């Protein structure tokens, strides 16, 4: 990892703003900059200039559209110096479009045990999970169906609110409905 001069992680997501993605990239490279008044052309030039001649690792996380990749790839110089771009997507067609002969790694679902470990890690930050949390917590992770993002979202809710068995039991009952609504909304777009 440290043999890269530049390391960037940019979240693209389903609905993204092209300018915002370029600004995220530049701020990852250069720190906080006042780029709001820069033209799109200037942002394009700056990204290309700051990457030219450097070995970079860029993670474009959660890409949903092939057009998004087509837009972004022109800003990444091809210097044959070991630079890498890692693209994550929920959609196989996006991954294949980005590099038809490249490695596509399909992530599997988490087991209930791994989901529980992840939930506890995010909620209790490495501290031991209270015994009262085990029963409702296992129901929660079962409802997440092995989806790491679902576990993380629910863990974020649990970490912010009171740690009580009653609250966890309520979340366990509502988790299925919350996840179904989230999945349905994502499929509409």
N, C-alpha and C. Protein backbone atom coordinates (compact mmCIF):
# COMPACT_ATOMS: atom_id res chain seq x y z
N UNK A 1 0.83 -1.19 0.00
CA UNK A 1 0.00 0.00 0.00
C UNK A 1 0.87 1.26 0.00
N UNK A 2 2.01 1.21 0.69
CA UNK A 2 2.81 2.42 0.82
C UNK A 2 3.70 2.70 -0.39
N UNK A 3 3.68 1.80 -1.38
CA UNK A 3 4.47 2.12 -2.56
C UNK A 3 3.70 3.00 -3.53
N UNK A 4 2.49 3.42 -3.13
CA UNK A 4 1.73 4.38 -3.94
C UNK A 4 2.00 5.79 -3.42
N UNK A 5 2.31 6.69 -4.33
CA UNK A 5 2.53 8.09 -3.95
C UNK A 5 1.22 8.76 -3.53
N UNK A 6 0.15 8.36 -4.20
CA UNK A 6 -1.16 8.97 -3.97
C UNK A 6 -2.16 7.85 -3.72
N UNK A 7 -2.94 7.99 -2.64
CA UNK A 7 -4.00 7.04 -2.33
C UNK A 7 -5.29 7.83 -2.15
N UNK A 8 -6.31 7.43 -2.91
CA UNK A 8 -7.59 8.16 -2.90
C UNK A 8 -8.72 7.15 -2.75
N UNK A 9 -9.66 7.49 -1.89
CA UNK A 9 -10.90 6.72 -1.76
C UNK A 9 -12.03 7.70 -2.03
N UNK A 10 -12.81 7.43 -3.08
CA UNK A 10 -13.92 8.32 -3.40
C UNK A 10 -15.18 7.47 -3.54
N UNK A 11 -16.23 7.90 -2.84
CA UNK A 11 -17.51 7.22 -2.93
C UNK A 11 -18.33 7.87 -4.02
N UNK A 12 -18.71 7.06 -4.99
CA UNK A 12 -19.43 7.59 -6.15
C UNK A 12 -20.93 7.49 -5.92
N UNK A 13 -21.43 6.35 -5.56
CA UNK A 13 -22.82 6.03 -5.24
C UNK A 13 -23.77 6.17 -6.43
N UNK A 14 -25.01 5.83 -6.17
CA UNK A 14 -26.02 5.76 -7.24
C UNK A 14 -26.32 7.12 -7.84
N UNK A 15 -26.53 8.10 -7.00
CA UNK A 15 -26.72 9.46 -7.49
C UNK A 15 -25.51 10.25 -7.04
N UNK A 16 -24.75 10.72 -7.98
CA UNK A 16 -23.52 11.42 -7.65
C UNK A 16 -23.43 12.70 -8.45
N UNK A 17 -22.62 13.60 -7.95
CA UNK A 17 -22.37 14.86 -8.62
C UNK A 17 -20.95 14.81 -9.16
N UNK A 18 -20.79 15.00 -10.46
CA UNK A 18 -19.47 14.89 -11.10
C UNK A 18 -18.46 15.83 -10.47
N UNK A 19 -18.86 17.05 -10.23
CA UNK A 19 -17.96 18.03 -9.60
C UNK A 19 -17.54 17.56 -8.22
N UNK A 20 -18.49 17.05 -7.46
CA UNK A 20 -18.20 16.61 -6.10
C UNK A 20 -17.19 15.47 -6.09
N UNK A 21 -17.32 14.55 -7.04
CA UNK A 21 -16.37 13.44 -7.12
C UNK A 21 -14.97 13.98 -7.42
N UNK A 22 -14.84 14.91 -8.36
CA UNK A 22 -13.54 15.48 -8.67
C UNK A 22 -12.97 16.25 -7.48
N UNK A 23 -13.81 16.96 -6.78
CA UNK A 23 -13.36 17.70 -5.59
C UNK A 23 -12.91 16.72 -4.50
N UNK A 24 -13.65 15.62 -4.32
CA UNK A 24 -13.23 14.60 -3.34
C UNK A 24 -11.85 14.05 -3.69
N UNK A 25 -11.62 13.78 -4.97
CA UNK A 25 -10.32 13.26 -5.39
C UNK A 25 -9.23 14.27 -5.09
N UNK A 26 -9.45 15.52 -5.47
CA UNK A 26 -8.43 16.56 -5.26
C UNK A 26 -8.16 16.79 -3.77
N UNK A 27 -9.21 16.79 -2.95
CA UNK A 27 -9.01 16.99 -1.52
C UNK A 27 -8.30 15.81 -0.88
N UNK A 28 -8.48 14.61 -1.41
CA UNK A 28 -7.74 13.46 -0.92
C UNK A 28 -6.26 13.59 -1.24
N UNK A 29 -5.96 14.17 -2.39
CA UNK A 29 -4.57 14.33 -2.82
C UNK A 29 -3.91 15.51 -2.12
N UNK A 30 -4.60 16.64 -2.09
CA UNK A 30 -3.98 17.91 -1.67
C UNK A 30 -4.44 18.44 -0.32
N UNK A 31 -5.42 17.84 0.29
CA UNK A 31 -6.00 18.41 1.50
C UNK A 31 -7.12 19.37 1.16
N UNK A 32 -7.58 20.10 2.13
CA UNK A 32 -8.69 21.03 1.92
C UNK A 32 -8.28 22.14 0.96
N UNK A 33 -9.06 22.30 -0.07
CA UNK A 33 -8.84 23.35 -1.06
C UNK A 33 -10.15 24.11 -1.26
N UNK A 34 -10.04 25.32 -1.71
CA UNK A 34 -11.24 26.09 -2.04
C UNK A 34 -11.50 25.91 -3.53
N UNK A 35 -12.29 24.91 -3.85
CA UNK A 35 -12.50 24.54 -5.25
C UNK A 35 -13.91 24.84 -5.74
N UNK A 36 -14.73 25.41 -4.92
CA UNK A 36 -16.13 25.64 -5.30
C UNK A 36 -16.26 26.55 -6.51
N UNK A 37 -15.33 27.50 -6.67
CA UNK A 37 -15.43 28.45 -7.77
C UNK A 37 -14.66 27.98 -9.01
N UNK A 38 -13.92 26.87 -8.89
CA UNK A 38 -13.16 26.36 -10.04
C UNK A 38 -14.12 25.82 -11.09
N UNK A 39 -13.80 26.06 -12.34
CA UNK A 39 -14.64 25.54 -13.43
C UNK A 39 -14.44 24.03 -13.52
N UNK A 40 -15.37 23.37 -14.20
CA UNK A 40 -15.25 21.93 -14.41
C UNK A 40 -13.96 21.60 -15.17
N UNK A 41 -13.65 22.40 -16.16
CA UNK A 41 -12.43 22.19 -16.94
C UNK A 41 -11.20 22.28 -16.05
N UNK A 42 -11.20 23.26 -15.17
CA UNK A 42 -10.06 23.43 -14.24
C UNK A 42 -9.94 22.24 -13.29
N UNK A 43 -11.07 21.72 -12.80
CA UNK A 43 -11.05 20.54 -11.93
C UNK A 43 -10.49 19.34 -12.68
N UNK A 44 -10.90 19.16 -13.94
CA UNK A 44 -10.41 18.06 -14.76
C UNK A 44 -8.89 18.14 -14.89
N UNK A 45 -8.41 19.35 -15.22
CA UNK A 45 -6.97 19.56 -15.40
C UNK A 45 -6.21 19.29 -14.11
N UNK A 46 -6.76 19.75 -13.00
CA UNK A 46 -6.07 19.59 -11.72
C UNK A 46 -5.95 18.12 -11.32
N UNK A 47 -7.01 17.35 -11.51
CA UNK A 47 -6.95 15.92 -11.16
C UNK A 47 -5.88 15.25 -12.01
N UNK A 48 -5.93 15.48 -13.30
CA UNK A 48 -4.96 14.85 -14.21
C UNK A 48 -3.53 15.26 -13.84
N UNK A 49 -3.33 16.55 -13.61
CA UNK A 49 -2.00 17.09 -13.30
C UNK A 49 -1.45 16.49 -12.00
N UNK A 50 -2.30 16.37 -10.97
CA UNK A 50 -1.83 15.87 -9.68
C UNK A 50 -1.56 14.36 -9.69
N UNK A 51 -2.09 13.66 -10.68
CA UNK A 51 -1.83 12.22 -10.78
C UNK A 51 -0.72 11.89 -11.78
N UNK A 52 -0.48 12.77 -12.73
CA UNK A 52 0.50 12.52 -13.79
C UNK A 52 1.88 12.26 -13.19
N UNK A 53 2.48 11.15 -13.61
CA UNK A 53 3.83 10.82 -13.18
C UNK A 53 3.92 10.20 -11.79
N UNK A 54 2.81 10.07 -11.12
CA UNK A 54 2.81 9.48 -9.77
C UNK A 54 2.17 8.10 -9.82
N UNK A 55 2.63 7.22 -8.94
CA UNK A 55 2.00 5.91 -8.80
C UNK A 55 0.83 6.08 -7.84
N UNK A 56 -0.37 5.82 -8.32
CA UNK A 56 -1.55 6.08 -7.50
C UNK A 56 -2.40 4.83 -7.34
N UNK A 57 -3.12 4.82 -6.24
CA UNK A 57 -4.17 3.83 -5.99
C UNK A 57 -5.44 4.62 -5.76
N UNK A 58 -6.42 4.38 -6.60
CA UNK A 58 -7.69 5.09 -6.47
C UNK A 58 -8.79 4.04 -6.30
N UNK A 59 -9.56 4.18 -5.24
CA UNK A 59 -10.71 3.33 -5.01
C UNK A 59 -11.94 4.14 -5.35
N UNK A 60 -12.69 3.68 -6.33
CA UNK A 60 -13.97 4.30 -6.66
C UNK A 60 -15.04 3.37 -6.10
N UNK A 61 -15.61 3.77 -5.01
CA UNK A 61 -16.49 2.90 -4.25
C UNK A 61 -17.95 3.09 -4.61
N UNK A 62 -18.66 1.99 -4.81
CA UNK A 62 -20.11 1.96 -5.00
C UNK A 62 -20.56 2.60 -6.30
N UNK A 63 -19.92 2.20 -7.40
CA UNK A 63 -20.29 2.73 -8.71
C UNK A 63 -21.50 1.97 -9.24
N UNK A 64 -22.47 2.70 -9.79
CA UNK A 64 -23.71 2.11 -10.25
C UNK A 64 -23.91 2.12 -11.75
N UNK A 65 -23.16 2.96 -12.47
CA UNK A 65 -23.44 3.13 -13.89
C UNK A 65 -22.16 3.03 -14.72
N UNK A 66 -22.25 2.40 -15.88
CA UNK A 66 -21.10 2.31 -16.78
C UNK A 66 -20.69 3.70 -17.26
N UNK A 67 -21.66 4.58 -17.43
CA UNK A 67 -21.37 5.94 -17.88
C UNK A 67 -20.50 6.68 -16.86
N UNK A 68 -20.68 6.36 -15.60
CA UNK A 68 -19.88 7.00 -14.56
C UNK A 68 -18.41 6.63 -14.74
N UNK A 69 -18.15 5.35 -14.99
CA UNK A 69 -16.77 4.92 -15.23
C UNK A 69 -16.22 5.61 -16.48
N UNK A 70 -17.00 5.66 -17.54
CA UNK A 70 -16.54 6.30 -18.77
C UNK A 70 -16.17 7.77 -18.54
N UNK A 71 -16.92 8.42 -17.69
CA UNK A 71 -16.65 9.83 -17.36
C UNK A 71 -15.35 9.97 -16.57
N UNK A 72 -15.17 9.13 -15.54
CA UNK A 72 -14.05 9.27 -14.62
C UNK A 72 -12.71 8.79 -15.18
N UNK A 73 -12.72 7.74 -15.98
CA UNK A 73 -11.47 7.11 -16.38
C UNK A 73 -10.54 8.03 -17.16
N UNK A 74 -11.09 9.03 -17.83
CA UNK A 74 -10.24 9.92 -18.63
C UNK A 74 -9.34 10.80 -17.76
N UNK A 75 -9.64 10.92 -16.49
CA UNK A 75 -8.84 11.78 -15.61
C UNK A 75 -7.63 11.05 -15.03
N UNK A 76 -7.59 9.74 -15.20
CA UNK A 76 -6.53 8.93 -14.59
C UNK A 76 -5.47 8.62 -15.65
N UNK A 77 -4.27 9.22 -15.51
CA UNK A 77 -3.21 9.03 -16.51
C UNK A 77 -2.75 7.57 -16.59
N UNK A 78 -2.34 7.15 -17.79
CA UNK A 78 -1.80 5.81 -18.02
C UNK A 78 -0.29 5.93 -18.18
N UNK A 79 0.44 5.96 -17.08
CA UNK A 79 1.89 6.14 -17.13
C UNK A 79 2.66 4.82 -17.09
N UNK A 80 1.96 3.69 -17.03
CA UNK A 80 2.60 2.38 -16.93
C UNK A 80 3.62 2.34 -15.79
N UNK A 81 3.23 2.89 -14.65
CA UNK A 81 4.14 2.94 -13.50
C UNK A 81 3.62 2.16 -12.30
N UNK A 82 2.65 1.30 -12.52
CA UNK A 82 2.13 0.48 -11.43
C UNK A 82 0.92 1.08 -10.73
N UNK A 83 0.36 2.13 -11.28
CA UNK A 83 -0.85 2.71 -10.69
C UNK A 83 -2.00 1.72 -10.80
N UNK A 84 -2.93 1.81 -9.87
CA UNK A 84 -4.07 0.89 -9.86
C UNK A 84 -5.35 1.65 -9.53
N UNK A 85 -6.44 1.15 -10.12
CA UNK A 85 -7.77 1.67 -9.81
C UNK A 85 -8.61 0.48 -9.37
N UNK A 86 -9.18 0.59 -8.21
CA UNK A 86 -10.06 -0.44 -7.68
C UNK A 86 -11.47 0.10 -7.70
N UNK A 87 -12.34 -0.59 -8.39
CA UNK A 87 -13.72 -0.16 -8.53
C UNK A 87 -14.61 -1.14 -7.77
N UNK A 88 -15.48 -0.63 -6.93
CA UNK A 88 -16.47 -1.51 -6.30
C UNK A 88 -17.84 -1.16 -6.85
N UNK A 89 -18.62 -2.21 -7.06
CA UNK A 89 -19.97 -2.03 -7.59
C UNK A 89 -20.82 -3.21 -7.16
N UNK A 90 -22.09 -2.95 -7.02
CA UNK A 90 -23.04 -4.01 -6.75
C UNK A 90 -23.45 -4.71 -8.04
N UNK A 91 -23.08 -4.11 -9.16
CA UNK A 91 -23.55 -4.57 -10.47
C UNK A 91 -22.40 -5.16 -11.28
N UNK A 92 -22.55 -6.42 -11.65
CA UNK A 92 -21.54 -7.13 -12.41
C UNK A 92 -21.25 -6.44 -13.74
N UNK A 93 -22.29 -5.90 -14.39
CA UNK A 93 -22.11 -5.25 -15.69
C UNK A 93 -21.20 -4.03 -15.60
N UNK A 94 -21.24 -3.32 -14.49
CA UNK A 94 -20.36 -2.16 -14.31
C UNK A 94 -18.92 -2.62 -14.18
N UNK A 95 -18.70 -3.65 -13.38
CA UNK A 95 -17.34 -4.18 -13.20
C UNK A 95 -16.78 -4.69 -14.52
N UNK A 96 -17.57 -5.44 -15.28
CA UNK A 96 -17.10 -5.97 -16.57
C UNK A 96 -16.83 -4.85 -17.56
N UNK A 97 -17.64 -3.81 -17.54
CA UNK A 97 -17.46 -2.69 -18.45
C UNK A 97 -16.14 -1.97 -18.16
N UNK A 98 -15.81 -1.83 -16.89
CA UNK A 98 -14.59 -1.12 -16.51
C UNK A 98 -13.34 -1.85 -16.98
N UNK A 99 -13.37 -3.17 -16.93
CA UNK A 99 -12.21 -3.94 -17.37
C UNK A 99 -12.66 -5.35 -17.71
N UNK A 100 -13.00 -5.57 -18.96
CA UNK A 100 -13.59 -6.84 -19.36
C UNK A 100 -12.67 -8.03 -19.15
N UNK A 101 -11.36 -7.82 -19.18
CA UNK A 101 -10.44 -8.94 -18.96
C UNK A 101 -9.75 -8.87 -17.61
N UNK A 102 -10.19 -7.96 -16.75
CA UNK A 102 -9.59 -7.80 -15.43
C UNK A 102 -10.21 -8.74 -14.40
N UNK A 103 -9.65 -8.73 -13.25
CA UNK A 103 -10.14 -9.56 -12.16
C UNK A 103 -11.40 -8.95 -11.55
N UNK A 104 -12.44 -9.75 -11.49
CA UNK A 104 -13.66 -9.34 -10.81
C UNK A 104 -13.83 -10.27 -9.63
N UNK A 105 -13.80 -9.69 -8.46
CA UNK A 105 -13.93 -10.48 -7.23
C UNK A 105 -15.34 -10.31 -6.70
N UNK A 106 -16.06 -11.40 -6.63
CA UNK A 106 -17.43 -11.37 -6.12
C UNK A 106 -17.39 -11.66 -4.63
N UNK A 107 -17.85 -10.72 -3.85
CA UNK A 107 -17.90 -10.92 -2.41
C UNK A 107 -19.11 -11.77 -2.04
N UNK A 108 -18.89 -12.70 -1.17
CA UNK A 108 -19.99 -13.52 -0.68
C UNK A 108 -20.69 -12.84 0.48
N UNK A 109 -21.72 -13.48 0.93
CA UNK A 109 -22.44 -12.97 2.09
C UNK A 109 -21.71 -13.37 3.36
N UNK A 110 -21.90 -12.60 4.40
CA UNK A 110 -21.31 -12.93 5.70
C UNK A 110 -22.14 -14.02 6.37
N UNK A 111 -21.48 -14.87 7.11
CA UNK A 111 -22.21 -15.82 7.94
C UNK A 111 -22.82 -15.05 9.11
N UNK A 112 -23.76 -15.69 9.81
CA UNK A 112 -24.34 -15.02 10.99
C UNK A 112 -23.27 -14.72 12.03
N UNK A 113 -22.29 -15.61 12.15
CA UNK A 113 -21.21 -15.39 13.12
C UNK A 113 -20.37 -14.17 12.74
N UNK A 114 -20.01 -14.06 11.46
CA UNK A 114 -19.22 -12.91 11.00
C UNK A 114 -20.05 -11.62 11.08
N UNK A 115 -21.33 -11.73 10.77
CA UNK A 115 -22.22 -10.56 10.89
C UNK A 115 -22.28 -10.10 12.34
N UNK A 116 -22.38 -11.04 13.26
CA UNK A 116 -22.43 -10.71 14.69
C UNK A 116 -21.13 -10.06 15.13
N UNK A 117 -19.99 -10.58 14.67
CA UNK A 117 -18.70 -9.98 15.01
C UNK A 117 -18.63 -8.54 14.51
N UNK A 118 -19.08 -8.33 13.28
CA UNK A 118 -19.06 -6.99 12.70
C UNK A 118 -19.97 -6.05 13.48
N UNK A 119 -21.17 -6.51 13.81
CA UNK A 119 -22.11 -5.69 14.56
C UNK A 119 -21.51 -5.30 15.91
N UNK A 120 -20.98 -6.28 16.63
CA UNK A 120 -20.39 -6.00 17.95
C UNK A 120 -19.21 -5.04 17.84
N UNK A 121 -18.37 -5.27 16.83
CA UNK A 121 -17.20 -4.41 16.65
C UNK A 121 -17.63 -2.95 16.43
N UNK A 122 -18.64 -2.74 15.61
CA UNK A 122 -19.06 -1.38 15.29
C UNK A 122 -19.86 -0.72 16.42
N UNK A 123 -20.63 -1.52 17.15
CA UNK A 123 -21.44 -0.93 18.22
C UNK A 123 -20.62 -0.74 19.49
N UNK A 124 -19.84 -1.74 19.85
CA UNK A 124 -19.15 -1.73 21.14
C UNK A 124 -17.66 -1.41 21.02
N UNK A 125 -17.18 -1.12 19.83
CA UNK A 125 -15.81 -0.66 19.58
C UNK A 125 -14.75 -1.54 20.25
N UNK A 126 -14.89 -2.84 20.08
CA UNK A 126 -13.89 -3.76 20.60
C UNK A 126 -14.13 -4.20 22.04
N UNK A 127 -15.05 -3.57 22.73
CA UNK A 127 -15.38 -4.00 24.09
C UNK A 127 -16.31 -5.21 24.01
N UNK A 128 -16.39 -5.93 25.07
CA UNK A 128 -17.23 -7.12 25.10
C UNK A 128 -18.71 -6.74 24.99
N UNK A 129 -19.45 -7.54 24.23
CA UNK A 129 -20.88 -7.30 24.05
C UNK A 129 -21.62 -7.73 25.31
N UNK A 130 -22.54 -6.92 25.80
CA UNK A 130 -23.33 -7.31 26.97
C UNK A 130 -24.15 -8.57 26.67
N UNK A 131 -24.33 -9.40 27.65
CA UNK A 131 -25.07 -10.66 27.46
C UNK A 131 -26.49 -10.41 26.97
N UNK A 132 -27.14 -9.34 27.44
CA UNK A 132 -28.51 -9.05 27.02
C UNK A 132 -28.62 -8.76 25.53
N UNK A 133 -27.50 -8.38 24.90
CA UNK A 133 -27.54 -8.02 23.48
C UNK A 133 -27.49 -9.22 22.54
N UNK A 134 -27.13 -10.38 23.06
CA UNK A 134 -26.89 -11.54 22.18
C UNK A 134 -28.17 -12.00 21.49
N UNK A 135 -29.24 -12.24 22.22
CA UNK A 135 -30.46 -12.76 21.59
C UNK A 135 -31.05 -11.80 20.56
N UNK A 136 -31.32 -10.53 20.94
CA UNK A 136 -31.86 -9.63 19.90
C UNK A 136 -30.83 -9.33 18.81
N UNK A 137 -29.55 -9.31 19.17
CA UNK A 137 -28.50 -9.05 18.19
C UNK A 137 -28.43 -10.13 17.13
N UNK A 138 -28.59 -11.39 17.54
CA UNK A 138 -28.57 -12.49 16.57
C UNK A 138 -29.79 -12.42 15.64
N UNK A 139 -30.93 -11.97 16.17
CA UNK A 139 -32.10 -11.79 15.30
C UNK A 139 -31.83 -10.68 14.28
N UNK A 140 -31.18 -9.63 14.74
CA UNK A 140 -30.85 -8.51 13.85
C UNK A 140 -29.95 -8.99 12.72
N UNK A 141 -28.88 -9.71 13.06
CA UNK A 141 -27.95 -10.13 12.00
C UNK A 141 -28.60 -11.16 11.07
N UNK A 142 -29.48 -11.99 11.58
CA UNK A 142 -30.21 -12.92 10.71
C UNK A 142 -31.05 -12.14 9.70
N UNK A 143 -31.68 -11.08 10.17
CA UNK A 143 -32.50 -10.25 9.28
C UNK A 143 -31.67 -9.51 8.22
N UNK A 144 -30.39 -9.29 8.52
CA UNK A 144 -29.51 -8.60 7.56
C UNK A 144 -29.08 -9.52 6.42
N UNK A 145 -29.36 -10.80 6.54
CA UNK A 145 -29.13 -11.77 5.45
C UNK A 145 -27.70 -11.78 4.92
N UNK A 146 -26.72 -11.52 5.79
CA UNK A 146 -25.33 -11.60 5.38
C UNK A 146 -24.81 -10.40 4.62
N UNK A 147 -25.61 -9.34 4.52
CA UNK A 147 -25.19 -8.14 3.79
C UNK A 147 -24.40 -7.22 4.72
N UNK A 148 -23.10 -7.05 4.48
CA UNK A 148 -22.28 -6.22 5.36
C UNK A 148 -22.80 -4.80 5.51
N UNK A 149 -23.25 -4.20 4.42
CA UNK A 149 -23.75 -2.83 4.49
C UNK A 149 -24.98 -2.74 5.39
N UNK A 150 -25.86 -3.73 5.32
CA UNK A 150 -27.04 -3.75 6.19
C UNK A 150 -26.61 -3.83 7.65
N UNK A 151 -25.63 -4.68 7.94
CA UNK A 151 -25.14 -4.81 9.32
C UNK A 151 -24.56 -3.47 9.78
N UNK A 152 -23.78 -2.81 8.92
CA UNK A 152 -23.16 -1.54 9.29
C UNK A 152 -24.19 -0.44 9.53
N UNK A 153 -25.23 -0.41 8.70
CA UNK A 153 -26.27 0.61 8.87
C UNK A 153 -26.99 0.42 10.20
N UNK A 154 -27.37 -0.81 10.49
CA UNK A 154 -28.06 -1.10 11.74
C UNK A 154 -27.13 -0.86 12.93
N UNK A 155 -25.86 -1.23 12.79
CA UNK A 155 -24.88 -0.98 13.87
C UNK A 155 -24.76 0.52 14.15
N UNK A 156 -24.81 1.32 13.09
CA UNK A 156 -24.75 2.77 13.28
C UNK A 156 -25.92 3.29 14.08
N UNK A 157 -27.11 2.73 13.83
CA UNK A 157 -28.30 3.12 14.60
C UNK A 157 -28.14 2.68 16.05
N UNK A 158 -27.72 1.44 16.25
CA UNK A 158 -27.58 0.92 17.61
C UNK A 158 -26.52 1.66 18.40
N UNK A 159 -25.44 2.06 17.75
CA UNK A 159 -24.35 2.75 18.44
C UNK A 159 -24.75 4.14 18.92
N UNK A 160 -25.71 4.77 18.22
CA UNK A 160 -26.09 6.14 18.56
C UNK A 160 -27.16 6.24 19.64
N UNK A 161 -27.88 5.16 19.86
CA UNK A 161 -29.00 5.20 20.78
C UNK A 161 -28.71 4.39 22.03
N UNK A 162 -29.57 4.54 22.99
CA UNK A 162 -29.40 3.86 24.28
C UNK A 162 -29.18 2.36 24.09
N UNK A 163 -28.26 1.84 24.86
CA UNK A 163 -27.98 0.42 24.81
C UNK A 163 -28.89 -0.29 25.80
N UNK A 164 -30.06 -0.61 25.36
CA UNK A 164 -31.00 -1.33 26.22
C UNK A 164 -31.56 -2.52 25.48
N UNK A 165 -31.85 -3.58 26.20
CA UNK A 165 -32.39 -4.78 25.59
C UNK A 165 -33.69 -4.47 24.86
N UNK A 166 -34.53 -3.64 25.46
CA UNK A 166 -35.82 -3.30 24.84
C UNK A 166 -35.61 -2.63 23.48
N UNK A 167 -34.68 -1.70 23.41
CA UNK A 167 -34.40 -1.02 22.15
C UNK A 167 -33.90 -2.01 21.10
N UNK A 168 -32.99 -2.89 21.50
CA UNK A 168 -32.46 -3.89 20.58
C UNK A 168 -33.57 -4.83 20.10
N UNK A 169 -34.46 -5.21 20.97
CA UNK A 169 -35.57 -6.09 20.58
C UNK A 169 -36.47 -5.39 19.57
N UNK A 170 -36.71 -4.10 19.79
CA UNK A 170 -37.52 -3.33 18.84
C UNK A 170 -36.84 -3.25 17.48
N UNK A 171 -35.54 -3.02 17.48
CA UNK A 171 -34.78 -2.97 16.22
C UNK A 171 -34.83 -4.34 15.53
N UNK A 172 -34.72 -5.41 16.30
CA UNK A 172 -34.77 -6.76 15.73
C UNK A 172 -36.10 -6.99 15.02
N UNK A 173 -37.19 -6.49 15.60
CA UNK A 173 -38.51 -6.64 14.97
C UNK A 173 -38.65 -5.80 13.71
N UNK A 174 -38.04 -4.63 13.71
CA UNK A 174 -38.20 -3.69 12.60
C UNK A 174 -37.14 -3.86 11.50
N UNK A 175 -36.08 -4.60 11.77
CA UNK A 175 -34.98 -4.71 10.81
C UNK A 175 -35.45 -5.23 9.47
N UNK A 176 -36.27 -6.24 9.46
CA UNK A 176 -36.73 -6.81 8.19
C UNK A 176 -37.45 -5.76 7.37
N UNK A 177 -38.34 -4.99 7.99
CA UNK A 177 -39.09 -3.97 7.27
C UNK A 177 -38.16 -2.86 6.76
N UNK A 178 -37.22 -2.44 7.58
CA UNK A 178 -36.28 -1.39 7.18
C UNK A 178 -35.47 -1.84 5.97
N UNK A 179 -34.96 -3.07 6.01
CA UNK A 179 -34.14 -3.56 4.91
C UNK A 179 -34.95 -3.75 3.64
N UNK A 180 -36.17 -4.20 3.76
CA UNK A 180 -37.02 -4.36 2.57
C UNK A 180 -37.30 -3.02 1.92
N UNK A 181 -37.59 -2.00 2.71
CA UNK A 181 -37.83 -0.67 2.16
C UNK A 181 -36.57 -0.16 1.47
N UNK A 182 -35.41 -0.34 2.09
CA UNK A 182 -34.15 0.12 1.51
C UNK A 182 -33.88 -0.58 0.19
N UNK A 183 -34.05 -1.88 0.13
CA UNK A 183 -33.80 -2.62 -1.11
C UNK A 183 -34.78 -2.22 -2.20
N UNK A 184 -36.04 -2.05 -1.85
CA UNK A 184 -37.04 -1.65 -2.83
C UNK A 184 -36.72 -0.29 -3.41
N UNK A 185 -36.31 0.66 -2.56
CA UNK A 185 -35.94 2.00 -3.03
C UNK A 185 -34.76 1.93 -3.98
N UNK A 186 -33.77 1.11 -3.68
CA UNK A 186 -32.58 1.00 -4.53
C UNK A 186 -32.94 0.43 -5.90
N UNK A 187 -33.88 -0.48 -5.95
CA UNK A 187 -34.25 -1.12 -7.22
C UNK A 187 -35.08 -0.19 -8.11
N UNK A 188 -35.70 0.80 -7.55
CA UNK A 188 -36.52 1.72 -8.35
C UNK A 188 -35.67 2.56 -9.29
N UNK A 189 -34.41 2.80 -8.92
CA UNK A 189 -33.56 3.71 -9.69
C UNK A 189 -32.85 2.98 -10.74
